[in-house]
Amino acid sequence: MTTIYGINNCNTMKKAFDFFNQNGITYEFFDYKKSVLSQDDFANFVATFGEKVINKQGTTYRKFDDETKAILASDDLPAMYEMVKNNLSVLKRPIVMGDDVALIGFDEHEWGGVFGV
């Protein structure tokens, strides 16, 4: 099963939902606002996508002080997770994970190639 991680009221997420729905792709939605991301899932995201996991363009990240930004740029996964767990909107959206799928951010052309549509 493919899971899409993000928040419901994000414009980029709406594009991702539309893509899945218009192309008949079955998915589960993990809403950061309703559930807490596990440390294992976060570690998997970092292992798969590296520093792209943190959305440095978003307002949440820009509001952080330099010390917090340094933690988010470090290799200290437990410390990073503690910051992210309390500020899940700092994660890049959407993140899509499945058996043979790992995508971050929405790119309709890339997604079309991955999903064969």
C-alpha atoms as a PDB file:
ATOM      1  CA  MET A   1       0.000   0.000   0.000  1.00  0.00           C
ATOM      2  CA  THR A   2       1.192   3.495  -0.819  1.00  0.00           C
ATOM      3  CA  THR A   3       1.064   6.048   1.987  1.00  0.00           C
ATOM      4  CA  ILE A   4       1.119   9.790   1.479  1.00  0.00           C
ATOM      5  CA  TYR A   5       2.374  11.827   4.436  1.00  0.00           C
ATOM      6  CA  GLY A   6       1.467  15.461   4.954  1.00  0.00           C
ATOM      7  CA  ILE A   7      -1.231  17.838   6.137  1.00  0.00           C
ATOM      8  CA  ASN A   8      -4.694  18.104   4.676  1.00  0.00           C
ATOM      9  CA  ASN A   9      -4.906  21.843   4.045  1.00  0.00           C
ATOM     10  CA  CYS A  10      -1.674  22.246   2.076  1.00  0.00           C
ATOM     11  CA  ASN A  11      -1.953  23.308  -1.583  1.00  0.00           C
ATOM     12  CA  THR A  12       0.794  20.909  -2.658  1.00  0.00           C
ATOM     13  CA  MET A  13      -0.954  18.081  -0.835  1.00  0.00           C
ATOM     14  CA  LYS A  14      -4.191  18.935  -2.660  1.00  0.00           C
ATOM     15  CA  LYS A  15      -2.347  18.526  -5.970  1.00  0.00           C
ATOM     16  CA  ALA A  16      -1.025  15.161  -4.798  1.00  0.00           C
ATOM     17  CA  PHE A  17      -4.491  13.987  -3.715  1.00  0.00           C
ATOM     18  CA  ASP A  18      -5.932  15.114  -7.061  1.00  0.00           C
ATOM     19  CA  PHE A  19      -3.203  13.207  -8.913  1.00  0.00           C
ATOM     20  CA  PHE A  20      -3.938  10.000  -7.016  1.00  0.00           C
ATOM     21  CA  ASN A  21      -7.709  10.333  -7.304  1.00  0.00           C
ATOM     22  CA  GLN A  22      -7.724  11.268 -11.008  1.00  0.00           C
ATOM     23  CA  ASN A  23      -5.449   8.343 -11.828  1.00  0.00           C
ATOM     24  CA  GLY A  24      -7.268   5.788  -9.682  1.00  0.00           C
ATOM     25  CA  ILE A  25      -4.278   5.176  -7.406  1.00  0.00           C
ATOM     26  CA  THR A  26      -5.175   3.710  -4.018  1.00  0.00           C
ATOM     27  CA  TYR A  27      -3.411   5.285  -1.054  1.00  0.00           C
ATOM     28  CA  GLU A  28      -3.518   5.795   2.675  1.00  0.00           C
ATOM     29  CA  PHE A  29      -3.130   9.286   4.108  1.00  0.00           C
ATOM     30  CA  PHE A  30      -1.001   9.950   7.187  1.00  0.00           C
ATOM     31  CA  ASP A  31      -2.053  13.352   8.518  1.00  0.00           C
ATOM     32  CA  TYR A  32       0.694  15.027  10.548  1.00  0.00           C
ATOM     33  CA  LYS A  33      -1.958  17.087  12.343  1.00  0.00           C
ATOM     34  CA  LYS A  34      -3.817  14.003  13.602  1.00  0.00           C
ATOM     35  CA  SER A  35      -1.029  11.482  14.210  1.00  0.00           C
ATOM     36  CA  VAL A  36       2.527  11.647  15.468  1.00  0.00           C
ATOM     37  CA  LEU A  37       5.140  10.370  13.062  1.00  0.00           C
ATOM     38  CA  SER A  38       7.200   7.558  14.584  1.00  0.00           C
ATOM     39  CA  GLN A  39      10.932   7.934  15.042  1.00  0.00           C
ATOM     40  CA  ASP A  40      11.428   4.867  12.807  1.00  0.00           C
ATOM     41  CA  ASP A  41       9.416   6.466   9.984  1.00  0.00           C
ATOM     42  CA  PHE A  42      11.351   9.705  10.376  1.00  0.00           C
ATOM     43  CA  ALA A  43      14.664   7.809  10.283  1.00  0.00           C
ATOM     44  CA  ASN A  44      13.476   6.039   7.128  1.00  0.00           C
ATOM     45  CA  PHE A  45      12.627   9.395   5.515  1.00  0.00           C
ATOM     46  CA  VAL A  46      16.078  10.768   6.339  1.00  0.00           C
ATOM     47  CA  ALA A  47      17.789   7.602   5.079  1.00  0.00           C
ATOM     48  CA  THR A  48      15.790   7.766   1.837  1.00  0.00           C
ATOM     49  CA  PHE A  49      15.755  11.505   1.106  1.00  0.00           C
ATOM     50  CA  GLY A  50      18.541  13.023   3.196  1.00  0.00           C
ATOM     51  CA  GLU A  51      18.353  16.737   3.916  1.00  0.00           C
ATOM     52  CA  LYS A  52      15.392  17.166   1.518  1.00  0.00           C
ATOM     53  CA  VAL A  53      13.146  15.939   4.349  1.00  0.00           C
ATOM     54  CA  ILE A  54      13.330  19.359   6.030  1.00  0.00           C
ATOM     55  CA  ASN A  55      11.408  22.071   4.189  1.00  0.00           C
ATOM     56  CA  LYS A  56      13.787  25.002   4.548  1.00  0.00           C
ATOM     57  CA  GLN A  57      11.534  27.247   2.447  1.00  0.00           C
ATOM     58  CA  GLY A  58       8.535  26.970   4.780  1.00  0.00           C
ATOM     59  CA  THR A  59       7.475  29.446   7.427  1.00  0.00           C
ATOM     60  CA  THR A  60       7.895  26.919  10.249  1.00  0.00           C
ATOM     61  CA  TYR A  61      11.591  26.459   9.453  1.00  0.00           C
ATOM     62  CA  ARG A  62      12.197  30.176   8.951  1.00  0.00           C
ATOM     63  CA  LYS A  63      10.825  30.896  12.441  1.00  0.00           C
ATOM     64  CA  PHE A  64      13.372  28.605  14.112  1.00  0.00           C
ATOM     65  CA  ASP A  65      16.408  30.057  15.844  1.00  0.00           C
ATOM     66  CA  ASP A  66      19.905  29.186  14.617  1.00  0.00           C
ATOM     67  CA  GLU A  67      20.378  26.502  17.280  1.00  0.00           C
ATOM     68  CA  THR A  68      17.253  24.636  16.156  1.00  0.00           C
ATOM     69  CA  LYS A  69      18.263  24.943  12.506  1.00  0.00           C
ATOM     70  CA  ALA A  70      21.668  23.497  13.389  1.00  0.00           C
ATOM     71  CA  ILE A  71      20.023  20.492  15.042  1.00  0.00           C
ATOM     72  CA  LEU A  72      17.844  19.939  11.968  1.00  0.00           C
ATOM     73  CA  ALA A  73      20.970  20.005   9.791  1.00  0.00           C
ATOM     74  CA  SER A  74      22.883  17.586  12.018  1.00  0.00           C
ATOM     75  CA  ASP A  75      23.332  13.819  11.923  1.00  0.00           C
ATOM     76  CA  ASP A  76      21.773  13.471  15.387  1.00  0.00           C
ATOM     77  CA  LEU A  77      18.569  11.654  14.423  1.00  0.00           C
ATOM     78  CA  PRO A  78      17.083  11.491  17.942  1.00  0.00           C
ATOM     79  CA  ALA A  79      17.549  15.255  18.422  1.00  0.00           C
ATOM     80  CA  MET A  80      16.225  15.984  14.934  1.00  0.00           C
ATOM     81  CA  TYR A  81      13.215  13.783  15.596  1.00  0.00           C
ATOM     82  CA  GLU A  82      12.409  15.627  18.826  1.00  0.00           C
ATOM     83  CA  MET A  83      12.334  18.920  16.910  1.00  0.00           C
ATOM     84  CA  VAL A  84      10.296  17.491  14.042  1.00  0.00           C
ATOM     85  CA  LYS A  85       7.865  15.602  16.309  1.00  0.00           C
ATOM     86  CA  ASN A  86       6.730  18.896  17.805  1.00  0.00           C
ATOM     87  CA  ASN A  87       6.795  20.790  14.488  1.00  0.00           C
ATOM     88  CA  LEU A  88       5.694  18.304  11.818  1.00  0.00           C
ATOM     89  CA  SER A  89       4.899  21.064   9.351  1.00  0.00           C
ATOM     90  CA  VAL A  90       8.677  21.511   8.940  1.00  0.00           C
ATOM     91  CA  LEU A  91       8.724  18.296   6.892  1.00  0.00           C
ATOM     92  CA  LYS A  92       8.651  18.566   3.115  1.00  0.00           C
ATOM     93  CA  ARG A  93       5.255  17.666   1.687  1.00  0.00           C
ATOM     94  CA  PRO A  94       4.151  15.346   0.383  1.00  0.00           C
ATOM     95  CA  ILE A  95       6.247  12.324   1.201  1.00  0.00           C
ATOM     96  CA  VAL A  96       5.037   9.196  -0.551  1.00  0.00           C
ATOM     97  CA  MET A  97       6.238   5.785   0.563  1.00  0.00           C
ATOM     98  CA  GLY A  98       5.213   2.387  -0.729  1.00  0.00           C
ATOM     99  CA  ASP A  99       6.591  -1.019  -1.620  1.00  0.00           C
ATOM    100  CA  ASP A 100       8.372   0.263  -4.723  1.00  0.00           C
ATOM    101  CA  VAL A 101       7.800   4.016  -4.328  1.00  0.00           C
ATOM    102  CA  ALA A 102       9.682   6.769  -2.510  1.00  0.00           C
ATOM    103  CA  LEU A 103       8.858  10.337  -3.553  1.00  0.00           C
ATOM    104  CA  ILE A 104       9.242  13.705  -1.890  1.00  0.00           C
ATOM    105  CA  GLY A 105       7.564  16.884  -3.087  1.00  0.00           C
ATOM    106  CA  PHE A 106       5.023  16.952  -5.887  1.00  0.00           C
ATOM    107  CA  ASP A 107       6.173  16.822  -9.495  1.00  0.00           C
ATOM    108  CA  GLU A 108       3.373  15.659 -11.795  1.00  0.00           C
ATOM    109  CA  HIS A 109       5.764  14.552 -14.558  1.00  0.00           C
ATOM    110  CA  GLU A 110       7.945  12.529 -12.173  1.00  0.00           C
ATOM    111  CA  TRP A 111       4.930  11.002 -10.448  1.00  0.00           C
ATOM    112  CA  GLY A 112       3.392  10.079 -13.805  1.00  0.00           C
ATOM    113  CA  GLY A 113       6.537   8.165 -14.699  1.00  0.00           C
ATOM    114  CA  VAL A 114       6.717   6.407 -11.346  1.00  0.00           C
ATOM    115  CA  PHE A 115       3.051   5.414 -11.380  1.00  0.00           C
ATOM    116  CA  GLY A 116       2.906   4.731 -15.119  1.00  0.00           C
ATOM    117  CA  VAL A 117       0.140   7.211 -15.942  1.00  0.00           C
END
